[in-house]
Amino acid sequence: MNGIDISQQCCRQFKKEDMLAFDKIYAMDNDIYNDIRRISGNLWNPSKTDLLLNEVYPGRNLDVPDPWYGTEKNYHEVYAMIDKACEAIIEKFNIQHSKHNIHPA
């Protein structure tokens, strides 16, 4: 429906070493954020971890709602939320990347 092929998508459980392997880790909701913190143990790094929707609504700590028990409309709404947050991440990355790659003339 949204033109994204997820047929090759796979998932796995978070492991504490992910704190070392990734620059940023996003959680969809506060429960998952707390699970990540617990699983990370002594590797916990709060500067590398955030809720996804904080990219759109900084500091509000909003959960991405689970549309499972809703209607098809709820799935479209959640997709739009996630898409907006991902676009914000890409924009932030591009801005940061362009600042670091400026070469004086």
PDB file of N, CA and C in Angstrom:
ATOM      1  N   MET A   1       0.806  -1.194   0.000  1.00  0.00           N
ATOM      2  CA  MET A   1       0.000   0.000   0.000  1.00  0.00           C
ATOM      3  C   MET A   1       0.849   1.257   0.000  1.00  0.00           C
ATOM      4  N   ASN A   2       1.954   1.235   0.740  1.00  0.00           N
ATOM      5  CA  ASN A   2       2.814   2.409   0.811  1.00  0.00           C
ATOM      6  C   ASN A   2       4.056   2.270  -0.064  1.00  0.00           C
ATOM      7  N   GLY A   3       4.106   1.224  -0.870  1.00  0.00           N
ATOM      8  CA  GLY A   3       5.208   1.047  -1.796  1.00  0.00           C
ATOM      9  C   GLY A   3       6.508   0.588  -1.152  1.00  0.00           C
ATOM     10  N   ILE A   4       6.423  -0.032  -0.001  1.00  0.00           N
ATOM     11  CA  ILE A   4       7.615  -0.514   0.686  1.00  0.00           C
ATOM     12  C   ILE A   4       7.535  -2.032   0.783  1.00  0.00           C
ATOM     13  N   ASP A   5       8.534  -2.696   0.224  1.00  0.00           N
ATOM     14  CA  ASP A   5       8.590  -4.158   0.266  1.00  0.00           C
ATOM     15  C   ASP A   5       9.250  -4.595   1.565  1.00  0.00           C
ATOM     16  N   ILE A   6       8.489  -5.210   2.443  1.00  0.00           N
ATOM     17  CA  ILE A   6       9.046  -5.689   3.714  1.00  0.00           C
ATOM     18  C   ILE A   6       9.137  -7.218   3.753  1.00  0.00           C
ATOM     19  N   SER A   7       9.076  -7.837   2.578  1.00  0.00           N
ATOM     20  CA  SER A   7       9.076  -9.300   2.537  1.00  0.00           C
ATOM     21  C   SER A   7      10.386  -9.902   3.041  1.00  0.00           C
ATOM     22  N   GLN A   8      11.480  -9.160   2.986  1.00  0.00           N
ATOM     23  CA  GLN A   8      12.772  -9.656   3.460  1.00  0.00           C
ATOM     24  C   GLN A   8      13.082  -9.192   4.889  1.00  0.00           C
ATOM     25  N   GLN A   9      12.143  -8.503   5.517  1.00  0.00           N
ATOM     26  CA  GLN A   9      12.344  -7.982   6.869  1.00  0.00           C
ATOM     27  C   GLN A   9      12.400  -9.126   7.874  1.00  0.00           C
ATOM     28  N   CYS A  10      13.281  -8.993   8.833  1.00  0.00           N
ATOM     29  CA  CYS A  10      13.329  -9.960   9.915  1.00  0.00           C
ATOM     30  C   CYS A  10      13.552  -9.197  11.216  1.00  0.00           C
ATOM     31  N   CYS A  11      13.313  -9.851  12.307  1.00  0.00           N
ATOM     32  CA  CYS A  11      13.494  -9.191  13.596  1.00  0.00           C
ATOM     33  C   CYS A  11      14.276 -10.114  14.513  1.00  0.00           C
ATOM     34  N   ARG A  12      14.758  -9.515  15.573  1.00  0.00           N
ATOM     35  CA  ARG A  12      15.425 -10.283  16.616  1.00  0.00           C
ATOM     36  C   ARG A  12      15.281  -9.501  17.905  1.00  0.00           C
ATOM     37  N   GLN A  13      15.541 -10.155  18.991  1.00  0.00           N
ATOM     38  CA  GLN A  13      15.463  -9.487  20.278  1.00  0.00           C
ATOM     39  C   GLN A  13      16.685  -8.605  20.481  1.00  0.00           C
ATOM     40  N   PHE A  14      16.481  -7.526  21.201  1.00  0.00           N
ATOM     41  CA  PHE A  14      17.568  -6.633  21.570  1.00  0.00           C
ATOM     42  C   PHE A  14      18.534  -7.380  22.479  1.00  0.00           C
ATOM     43  N   LYS A  15      19.829  -7.133  22.295  1.00  0.00           N
ATOM     44  CA  LYS A  15      20.830  -7.689  23.205  1.00  0.00           C
ATOM     45  C   LYS A  15      21.739  -6.567  23.676  1.00  0.00           C
ATOM     46  N   LYS A  16      22.307  -6.711  24.838  1.00  0.00           N
ATOM     47  CA  LYS A  16      23.055  -5.627  25.466  1.00  0.00           C
ATOM     48  C   LYS A  16      24.192  -5.124  24.593  1.00  0.00           C
ATOM     49  N   GLU A  17      24.805  -5.987  23.800  1.00  0.00           N
ATOM     50  CA  GLU A  17      25.908  -5.588  22.922  1.00  0.00           C
ATOM     51  C   GLU A  17      25.463  -4.607  21.831  1.00  0.00           C
ATOM     52  N   ASP A  18      24.161  -4.527  21.598  1.00  0.00           N
ATOM     53  CA  ASP A  18      23.645  -3.556  20.627  1.00  0.00           C
ATOM     54  C   ASP A  18      23.997  -2.130  21.044  1.00  0.00           C
ATOM     55  N   MET A  19      24.154  -1.895  22.342  1.00  0.00           N
ATOM     56  CA  MET A  19      24.555  -0.567  22.820  1.00  0.00           C
ATOM     57  C   MET A  19      25.918  -0.174  22.263  1.00  0.00           C
ATOM     58  N   LEU A  20      26.767  -1.153  22.026  1.00  0.00           N
ATOM     59  CA  LEU A  20      28.090  -0.894  21.466  1.00  0.00           C
ATOM     60  C   LEU A  20      28.075  -0.876  19.941  1.00  0.00           C
ATOM     61  N   ALA A  21      27.172  -1.636  19.346  1.00  0.00           N
ATOM     62  CA  ALA A  21      27.170  -1.829  17.902  1.00  0.00           C
ATOM     63  C   ALA A  21      26.460  -0.718  17.123  1.00  0.00           C
ATOM     64  N   PHE A  22      25.553   0.006  17.769  1.00  0.00           N
ATOM     65  CA  PHE A  22      24.742   0.987  17.055  1.00  0.00           C
ATOM     66  C   PHE A  22      24.933   2.387  17.620  1.00  0.00           C
ATOM     67  N   ASP A  23      24.839   3.376  16.724  1.00  0.00           N
ATOM     68  CA  ASP A  23      24.959   4.780  17.131  1.00  0.00           C
ATOM     69  C   ASP A  23      23.712   5.275  17.844  1.00  0.00           C
ATOM     70  N   LYS A  24      22.555   4.788  17.419  1.00  0.00           N
ATOM     71  CA  LYS A  24      21.282   5.239  17.994  1.00  0.00           C
ATOM     72  C   LYS A  24      20.326   4.065  18.010  1.00  0.00           C
ATOM     73  N   ILE A  25      19.578   3.951  19.094  1.00  0.00           N
ATOM     74  CA  ILE A  25      18.591   2.885  19.248  1.00  0.00           C
ATOM     75  C   ILE A  25      17.269   3.540  19.610  1.00  0.00           C
ATOM     76  N   TYR A  26      16.244   3.270  18.817  1.00  0.00           N
ATOM     77  CA  TYR A  26      14.918   3.837  19.047  1.00  0.00           C
ATOM     78  C   TYR A  26      13.962   2.769  19.556  1.00  0.00           C
ATOM     79  N   ALA A  27      13.143   3.157  20.504  1.00  0.00           N
ATOM     80  CA  ALA A  27      12.078   2.298  21.008  1.00  0.00           C
ATOM     81  C   ALA A  27      10.747   2.885  20.563  1.00  0.00           C
ATOM     82  N   MET A  28       9.788   2.019  20.313  1.00  0.00           N
ATOM     83  CA  MET A  28       8.468   2.469  19.878  1.00  0.00           C
ATOM     84  C   MET A  28       7.610   2.939  21.048  1.00  0.00           C
ATOM     85  N   ASP A  29       7.905   2.429  22.253  1.00  0.00           N
ATOM     86  CA  ASP A  29       7.115   2.870  23.404  1.00  0.00           C
ATOM     87  C   ASP A  29       7.950   2.803  24.676  1.00  0.00           C
ATOM     88  N   ASN A  30       7.412   3.360  25.730  1.00  0.00           N
ATOM     89  CA  ASN A  30       8.123   3.446  27.004  1.00  0.00           C
ATOM     90  C   ASN A  30       8.431   2.082  27.608  1.00  0.00           C
ATOM     91  N   ASP A  31       7.547   1.106  27.420  1.00  0.00           N
ATOM     92  CA  ASP A  31       7.812  -0.239  27.946  1.00  0.00           C
ATOM     93  C   ASP A  31       9.058  -0.837  27.289  1.00  0.00           C
ATOM     94  N   ILE A  32       9.152  -0.695  25.974  1.00  0.00           N
ATOM     95  CA  ILE A  32      10.316  -1.211  25.250  1.00  0.00           C
ATOM     96  C   ILE A  32      11.572  -0.433  25.641  1.00  0.00           C
ATOM     97  N   TYR A  33      11.452   0.884  25.790  1.00  0.00           N
ATOM     98  CA  TYR A  33      12.581   1.705  26.236  1.00  0.00           C
ATOM     99  C   TYR A  33      13.113   1.182  27.573  1.00  0.00           C
ATOM    100  N   ASN A  34      12.215   0.908  28.505  1.00  0.00           N
ATOM    101  CA  ASN A  34      12.623   0.391  29.817  1.00  0.00           C
ATOM    102  C   ASN A  34      13.224  -1.006  29.716  1.00  0.00           C
ATOM    103  N   ASP A  35      12.708  -1.831  28.798  1.00  0.00           N
ATOM    104  CA  ASP A  35      13.298  -3.150  28.568  1.00  0.00           C
ATOM    105  C   ASP A  35      14.724  -3.013  28.032  1.00  0.00           C
ATOM    106  N   ILE A  36      14.927  -2.086  27.100  1.00  0.00           N
ATOM    107  CA  ILE A  36      16.260  -1.851  26.547  1.00  0.00           C
ATOM    108  C   ILE A  36      17.221  -1.431  27.661  1.00  0.00           C
ATOM    109  N   ARG A  37      16.766  -0.533  28.519  1.00  0.00           N
ATOM    110  CA  ARG A  37      17.602  -0.074  29.631  1.00  0.00           C
ATOM    111  C   ARG A  37      17.965  -1.254  30.547  1.00  0.00           C
ATOM    112  N   ARG A  38      16.980  -2.085  30.870  1.00  0.00           N
ATOM    113  CA  ARG A  38      17.205  -3.226  31.757  1.00  0.00           C
ATOM    114  C   ARG A  38      18.159  -4.236  31.129  1.00  0.00           C
ATOM    115  N   ILE A  39      17.925  -4.574  29.874  1.00  0.00           N
ATOM    116  CA  ILE A  39      18.752  -5.573  29.190  1.00  0.00           C
ATOM    117  C   ILE A  39      20.184  -5.059  29.006  1.00  0.00           C
ATOM    118  N   SER A  40      20.348  -3.752  28.781  1.00  0.00           N
ATOM    119  CA  SER A  40      21.679  -3.179  28.548  1.00  0.00           C
ATOM    120  C   SER A  40      22.592  -3.290  29.750  1.00  0.00           C
ATOM    121  N   GLY A  41      22.012  -3.304  30.936  1.00  0.00           N
ATOM    122  CA  GLY A  41      22.819  -3.433  32.152  1.00  0.00           C
ATOM    123  C   GLY A  41      23.913  -2.380  32.220  1.00  0.00           C
ATOM    124  N   ASN A  42      25.144  -2.833  32.419  1.00  0.00           N
ATOM    125  CA  ASN A  42      26.259  -1.902  32.566  1.00  0.00           C
ATOM    126  C   ASN A  42      26.649  -1.215  31.255  1.00  0.00           C
ATOM    127  N   LEU A  43      26.087  -1.620  30.136  1.00  0.00           N
ATOM    128  CA  LEU A  43      26.365  -0.967  28.848  1.00  0.00           C
ATOM    129  C   LEU A  43      25.348   0.129  28.520  1.00  0.00           C
ATOM    130  N   TRP A  44      24.369   0.333  29.393  1.00  0.00           N
ATOM    131  CA  TRP A  44      23.312   1.336  29.162  1.00  0.00           C
ATOM    132  C   TRP A  44      23.926   2.702  28.862  1.00  0.00           C
ATOM    133  N   ASN A  45      23.436   3.308  27.778  1.00  0.00           N
ATOM    134  CA  ASN A  45      23.879   4.640  27.397  1.00  0.00           C
ATOM    135  C   ASN A  45      22.645   5.441  27.000  1.00  0.00           C
ATOM    136  N   PRO A  46      22.120   6.261  27.898  1.00  0.00           N
ATOM    137  CA  PRO A  46      20.884   6.994  27.595  1.00  0.00           C
ATOM    138  C   PRO A  46      21.026   7.977  26.437  1.00  0.00           C
ATOM    139  N   SER A  47      22.241   8.424  26.134  1.00  0.00           N
ATOM    140  CA  SER A  47      22.408   9.354  25.013  1.00  0.00           C
ATOM    141  C   SER A  47      22.253   8.657  23.665  1.00  0.00           C
ATOM    142  N   LYS A  48      22.338   7.320  23.652  1.00  0.00           N
ATOM    143  CA  LYS A  48      22.188   6.564  22.409  1.00  0.00           C
ATOM    144  C   LYS A  48      20.781   6.010  22.226  1.00  0.00           C
ATOM    145  N   THR A  49      19.923   6.214  23.202  1.00  0.00           N
ATOM    146  CA  THR A  49      18.609   5.582  23.199  1.00  0.00           C
ATOM    147  C   THR A  49      17.516   6.626  23.348  1.00  0.00           C
ATOM    148  N   ASP A  50      16.441   6.478  22.573  1.00  0.00           N
ATOM    149  CA  ASP A  50      15.332   7.419  22.674  1.00  0.00           C
ATOM    150  C   ASP A  50      14.061   6.761  22.159  1.00  0.00           C
ATOM    151  N   LEU A  51      12.961   7.411  22.457  1.00  0.00           N
ATOM    152  CA  LEU A  51      11.682   7.005  21.872  1.00  0.00           C
ATOM    153  C   LEU A  51      11.597   7.588  20.464  1.00  0.00           C
ATOM    154  N   LEU A  52      11.080   6.817  19.541  1.00  0.00           N
ATOM    155  CA  LEU A  52      11.009   7.233  18.139  1.00  0.00           C
ATOM    156  C   LEU A  52      10.282   8.563  17.968  1.00  0.00           C
ATOM    157  N   LEU A  53       9.153   8.724  18.630  1.00  0.00           N
ATOM    158  CA  LEU A  53       8.361   9.940  18.423  1.00  0.00           C
ATOM    159  C   LEU A  53       9.003  11.190  19.029  1.00  0.00           C
ATOM    160  N   ASN A  54      10.051  11.034  19.846  1.00  0.00           N
ATOM    161  CA  ASN A  54      10.766  12.217  20.328  1.00  0.00           C
ATOM    162  C   ASN A  54      11.480  12.945  19.194  1.00  0.00           C
ATOM    163  N   GLU A  55      11.654  12.289  18.064  1.00  0.00           N
ATOM    164  CA  GLU A  55      12.232  12.957  16.900  1.00  0.00           C
ATOM    165  C   GLU A  55      11.265  13.990  16.316  1.00  0.00           C
ATOM    166  N   VAL A  56       9.985  13.783  16.528  1.00  0.00           N
ATOM    167  CA  VAL A  56       8.964  14.702  16.025  1.00  0.00           C
ATOM    168  C   VAL A  56       8.449  15.609  17.140  1.00  0.00           C
ATOM    169  N   TYR A  57       8.329  15.047  18.319  1.00  0.00           N
ATOM    170  CA  TYR A  57       7.809  15.771  19.489  1.00  0.00           C
ATOM    171  C   TYR A  57       8.841  15.680  20.621  1.00  0.00           C
ATOM    172  N   PRO A  58       9.944  16.453  20.517  1.00  0.00           N
ATOM    173  CA  PRO A  58      11.048  16.321  21.477  1.00  0.00           C
ATOM    174  C   PRO A  58      10.595  16.441  22.936  1.00  0.00           C
ATOM    175  N   GLY A  59      11.078  15.477  23.733  1.00  0.00           N
ATOM    176  CA  GLY A  59      10.842  15.505  25.166  1.00  0.00           C
ATOM    177  C   GLY A  59       9.454  15.127  25.634  1.00  0.00           C
ATOM    178  N   ARG A  60       8.556  14.826  24.696  1.00  0.00           N
ATOM    179  CA  ARG A  60       7.186  14.473  25.100  1.00  0.00           C
ATOM    180  C   ARG A  60       7.053  13.007  25.486  1.00  0.00           C
ATOM    181  N   ASN A  61       8.018  12.183  25.087  1.00  0.00           N
ATOM    182  CA  ASN A  61       8.057  10.754  25.438  1.00  0.00           C
ATOM    183  C   ASN A  61       6.756  10.021  25.114  1.00  0.00           C
ATOM    184  N   LEU A  62       6.278  10.241  23.897  1.00  0.00           N
ATOM    185  CA  LEU A  62       5.035   9.617  23.433  1.00  0.00           C
ATOM    186  C   LEU A  62       5.297   8.217  22.884  1.00  0.00           C
ATOM    187  N   ASP A  63       4.362   7.324  23.129  1.00  0.00           N
ATOM    188  CA  ASP A  63       4.417   5.975  22.565  1.00  0.00           C
ATOM    189  C   ASP A  63       3.827   5.977  21.164  1.00  0.00           C
ATOM    190  N   VAL A  64       4.388   5.132  20.300  1.00  0.00           N
ATOM    191  CA  VAL A  64       3.728   4.820  19.037  1.00  0.00           C
ATOM    192  C   VAL A  64       2.618   3.843  19.409  1.00  0.00           C
ATOM    193  N   PRO A  65       1.365   4.182  19.122  1.00  0.00           N
ATOM    194  CA  PRO A  65       0.282   3.280  19.526  1.00  0.00           C
ATOM    195  C   PRO A  65       0.289   1.979  18.729  1.00  0.00           C
ATOM    196  N   ASP A  66      -0.129   0.919  19.369  1.00  0.00           N
ATOM    197  CA  ASP A  66      -0.231  -0.383  18.713  1.00  0.00           C
ATOM    198  C   ASP A  66      -1.603  -0.457  18.046  1.00  0.00           C
ATOM    199  N   PRO A  67      -1.632  -0.554  16.710  1.00  0.00           N
ATOM    200  CA  PRO A  67      -2.924  -0.557  16.008  1.00  0.00           C
ATOM    201  C   PRO A  67      -3.605  -1.916  15.959  1.00  0.00           C
ATOM    202  N   TRP A  68      -3.030  -2.924  16.584  1.00  0.00           N
ATOM    203  CA  TRP A  68      -3.502  -4.299  16.454  1.00  0.00           C
ATOM    204  C   TRP A  68      -4.998  -4.455  16.714  1.00  0.00           C
ATOM    205  N   TYR A  69      -5.514  -3.822  17.753  1.00  0.00           N
ATOM    206  CA  TYR A  69      -6.926  -4.003  18.095  1.00  0.00           C
ATOM    207  C   TYR A  69      -7.830  -2.933  17.489  1.00  0.00           C
ATOM    208  N   GLY A  70      -7.265  -2.107  16.632  1.00  0.00           N
ATOM    209  CA  GLY A  70      -8.035  -1.043  16.018  1.00  0.00           C
ATOM    210  C   GLY A  70      -8.544  -1.425  14.640  1.00  0.00           C
ATOM    211  N   THR A  71      -8.736  -0.419  13.837  1.00  0.00           N
ATOM    212  CA  THR A  71      -9.226  -0.601  12.475  1.00  0.00           C
ATOM    213  C   THR A  71      -8.080  -0.395  11.490  1.00  0.00           C
ATOM    214  N   GLU A  72      -8.354  -0.605  10.232  1.00  0.00           N
ATOM    215  CA  GLU A  72      -7.339  -0.370   9.202  1.00  0.00           C
ATOM    216  C   GLU A  72      -6.872   1.083   9.230  1.00  0.00           C
ATOM    217  N   LYS A  73      -7.776   1.989   9.534  1.00  0.00           N
ATOM    218  CA  LYS A  73      -7.431   3.409   9.629  1.00  0.00           C
ATOM    219  C   LYS A  73      -6.324   3.635  10.654  1.00  0.00           C
ATOM    220  N   ASN A  74      -6.368   2.908  11.761  1.00  0.00           N
ATOM    221  CA  ASN A  74      -5.336   3.039  12.794  1.00  0.00           C
ATOM    222  C   ASN A  74      -3.954   2.642  12.265  1.00  0.00           C
ATOM    223  N   TYR A  75      -3.902   1.627  11.423  1.00  0.00           N
ATOM    224  CA  TYR A  75      -2.633   1.222  10.816  1.00  0.00           C
ATOM    225  C   TYR A  75      -2.067   2.340   9.951  1.00  0.00           C
ATOM    226  N   HIS A  76      -2.929   3.005   9.211  1.00  0.00           N
ATOM    227  CA  HIS A  76      -2.485   4.121   8.361  1.00  0.00           C
ATOM    228  C   HIS A  76      -1.983   5.290   9.210  1.00  0.00           C
ATOM    229  N   GLU A  77      -2.650   5.542  10.314  1.00  0.00           N
ATOM    230  CA  GLU A  77      -2.227   6.620  11.213  1.00  0.00           C
ATOM    231  C   GLU A  77      -0.866   6.317  11.832  1.00  0.00           C
ATOM    232  N   VAL A  78      -0.674   5.088  12.267  1.00  0.00           N
ATOM    233  CA  VAL A  78       0.604   4.691  12.870  1.00  0.00           C
ATOM    234  C   VAL A  78       1.710   4.738  11.817  1.00  0.00           C
ATOM    235  N   TYR A  79       1.413   4.287  10.611  1.00  0.00           N
ATOM    236  CA  TYR A  79       2.396   4.372   9.525  1.00  0.00           C
ATOM    237  C   TYR A  79       2.822   5.825   9.318  1.00  0.00           C
ATOM    238  N   ALA A  80       1.866   6.732   9.297  1.00  0.00           N
ATOM    239  CA  ALA A  80       2.174   8.151   9.094  1.00  0.00           C
ATOM    240  C   ALA A  80       3.057   8.692  10.225  1.00  0.00           C
ATOM    241  N   MET A  81       2.784   8.281  11.455  1.00  0.00           N
ATOM    242  CA  MET A  81       3.615   8.707  12.591  1.00  0.00           C
ATOM    243  C   MET A  81       5.054   8.222  12.427  1.00  0.00           C
ATOM    244  N   ILE A  82       5.207   6.950  12.111  1.00  0.00           N
ATOM    245  CA  ILE A  82       6.537   6.360  11.968  1.00  0.00           C
ATOM    246  C   ILE A  82       7.269   6.993  10.788  1.00  0.00           C
ATOM    247  N   ASP A  83       6.558   7.191   9.704  1.00  0.00           N
ATOM    248  CA  ASP A  83       7.155   7.802   8.515  1.00  0.00           C
ATOM    249  C   ASP A  83       7.652   9.215   8.825  1.00  0.00           C
ATOM    250  N   LYS A  84       6.862   9.980   9.541  1.00  0.00           N
ATOM    251  CA  LYS A  84       7.240  11.348   9.904  1.00  0.00           C
ATOM    252  C   LYS A  84       8.478  11.350  10.795  1.00  0.00           C
ATOM    253  N   ALA A  85       8.539  10.442  11.743  1.00  0.00           N
ATOM    254  CA  ALA A  85       9.699  10.344  12.631  1.00  0.00           C
ATOM    255  C   ALA A  85      10.950   9.930  11.841  1.00  0.00           C
ATOM    256  N   CYS A  86      10.796   8.991  10.936  1.00  0.00           N
ATOM    257  CA  CYS A  86      11.935   8.548  10.127  1.00  0.00           C
ATOM    258  C   CYS A  86      12.432   9.670   9.225  1.00  0.00           C
ATOM    259  N   GLU A  87      11.535  10.433   8.656  1.00  0.00           N
ATOM    260  CA  GLU A  87      11.940  11.590   7.844  1.00  0.00           C
ATOM    261  C   GLU A  87      12.715  12.594   8.693  1.00  0.00           C
ATOM    262  N   ALA A  88      12.304  12.807   9.935  1.00  0.00           N
ATOM    263  CA  ALA A  88      13.007  13.724  10.839  1.00  0.00           C
ATOM    264  C   ALA A  88      14.412  13.203  11.146  1.00  0.00           C
ATOM    265  N   ILE A  89      14.546  11.900  11.315  1.00  0.00           N
ATOM    266  CA  ILE A  89      15.864  11.301  11.563  1.00  0.00           C
ATOM    267  C   ILE A  89      16.769  11.501  10.352  1.00  0.00           C
ATOM    268  N   ILE A  90      16.240  11.258   9.176  1.00  0.00           N
ATOM    269  CA  ILE A  90      17.025  11.432   7.943  1.00  0.00           C
ATOM    270  C   ILE A  90      17.443  12.888   7.775  1.00  0.00           C
ATOM    271  N   GLU A  91      16.532  13.799   8.016  1.00  0.00           N
ATOM    272  CA  GLU A  91      16.852  15.223   7.902  1.00  0.00           C
ATOM    273  C   GLU A  91      17.943  15.614   8.904  1.00  0.00           C
ATOM    274  N   LYS A  92      17.823  15.163  10.146  1.00  0.00           N
ATOM    275  CA  LYS A  92      18.821  15.458  11.172  1.00  0.00           C
ATOM    276  C   LYS A  92      20.186  14.901  10.762  1.00  0.00           C
ATOM    277  N   PHE A  93      20.204  13.665  10.256  1.00  0.00           N
ATOM    278  CA  PHE A  93      21.444  13.042   9.814  1.00  0.00           C
ATOM    279  C   PHE A  93      22.075  13.850   8.683  1.00  0.00           C
ATOM    280  N   ASN A  94      21.262  14.239   7.706  1.00  0.00           N
ATOM    281  CA  ASN A  94      21.775  14.998   6.567  1.00  0.00           C
ATOM    282  C   ASN A  94      22.361  16.333   7.001  1.00  0.00           C
ATOM    283  N   ILE A  95      21.707  17.000   7.944  1.00  0.00           N
ATOM    284  CA  ILE A  95      22.223  18.276   8.453  1.00  0.00           C
ATOM    285  C   ILE A  95      23.548  18.056   9.176  1.00  0.00           C
ATOM    286  N   GLN A  96      23.601  17.063  10.056  1.00  0.00           N
ATOM    287  CA  GLN A  96      24.834  16.777  10.793  1.00  0.00           C
ATOM    288  C   GLN A  96      25.954  16.360   9.848  1.00  0.00           C
ATOM    289  N   HIS A  97      25.610  15.547   8.858  1.00  0.00           N
ATOM    290  CA  HIS A  97      26.601  15.046   7.912  1.00  0.00           C
ATOM    291  C   HIS A  97      27.149  16.193   7.064  1.00  0.00           C
ATOM    292  N   SER A  98      26.284  17.096   6.637  1.00  0.00           N
ATOM    293  CA  SER A  98      26.742  18.211   5.799  1.00  0.00           C
ATOM    294  C   SER A  98      27.625  19.170   6.593  1.00  0.00           C
ATOM    295  N   LYS A  99      27.382  19.334   7.894  1.00  0.00           N
ATOM    296  CA  LYS A  99      28.217  20.201   8.737  1.00  0.00           C
ATOM    297  C   LYS A  99      29.627  19.640   8.849  1.00  0.00           C
ATOM    298  N   HIS A 100      29.750  18.332   8.894  1.00  0.00           N
ATOM    299  CA  HIS A 100      31.049  17.702   9.086  1.00  0.00           C
ATOM    300  C   HIS A 100      31.828  17.572   7.772  1.00  0.00           C
ATOM    301  N   ASN A 101      31.156  17.769   6.653  1.00  0.00           N
ATOM    302  CA  ASN A 101      31.814  17.595   5.357  1.00  0.00           C
ATOM    303  C   ASN A 101      31.991  18.911   4.605  1.00  0.00           C
ATOM    304  N   ILE A 102      31.926  20.027   5.307  1.00  0.00           N
ATOM    305  CA  ILE A 102      32.132  21.322   4.667  1.00  0.00           C
ATOM    306  C   ILE A 102      33.630  21.537   4.513  1.00  0.00           C
ATOM    307  N   HIS A 103      34.034  21.781   3.278  1.00  0.00           N
ATOM    308  CA  HIS A 103      35.452  22.013   2.998  1.00  0.00           C
ATOM    309  C   HIS A 103      35.645  23.475   2.617  1.00  0.00           C
ATOM    310  N   PRO A 104      36.573  24.172   3.275  1.00  0.00           N
ATOM    311  CA  PRO A 104      36.811  25.570   2.924  1.00  0.00           C
ATOM    312  C   PRO A 104      37.335  25.701   1.498  1.00  0.00           C
ATOM    313  N   ALA A 105      36.950  26.757   0.835  1.00  0.00           N
ATOM    314  CA  ALA A 105      37.367  26.966  -0.552  1.00  0.00           C
ATOM    315  C   ALA A 105      38.779  27.506  -0.634  1.00  0.00           C
TER     316      ALA A 105
END
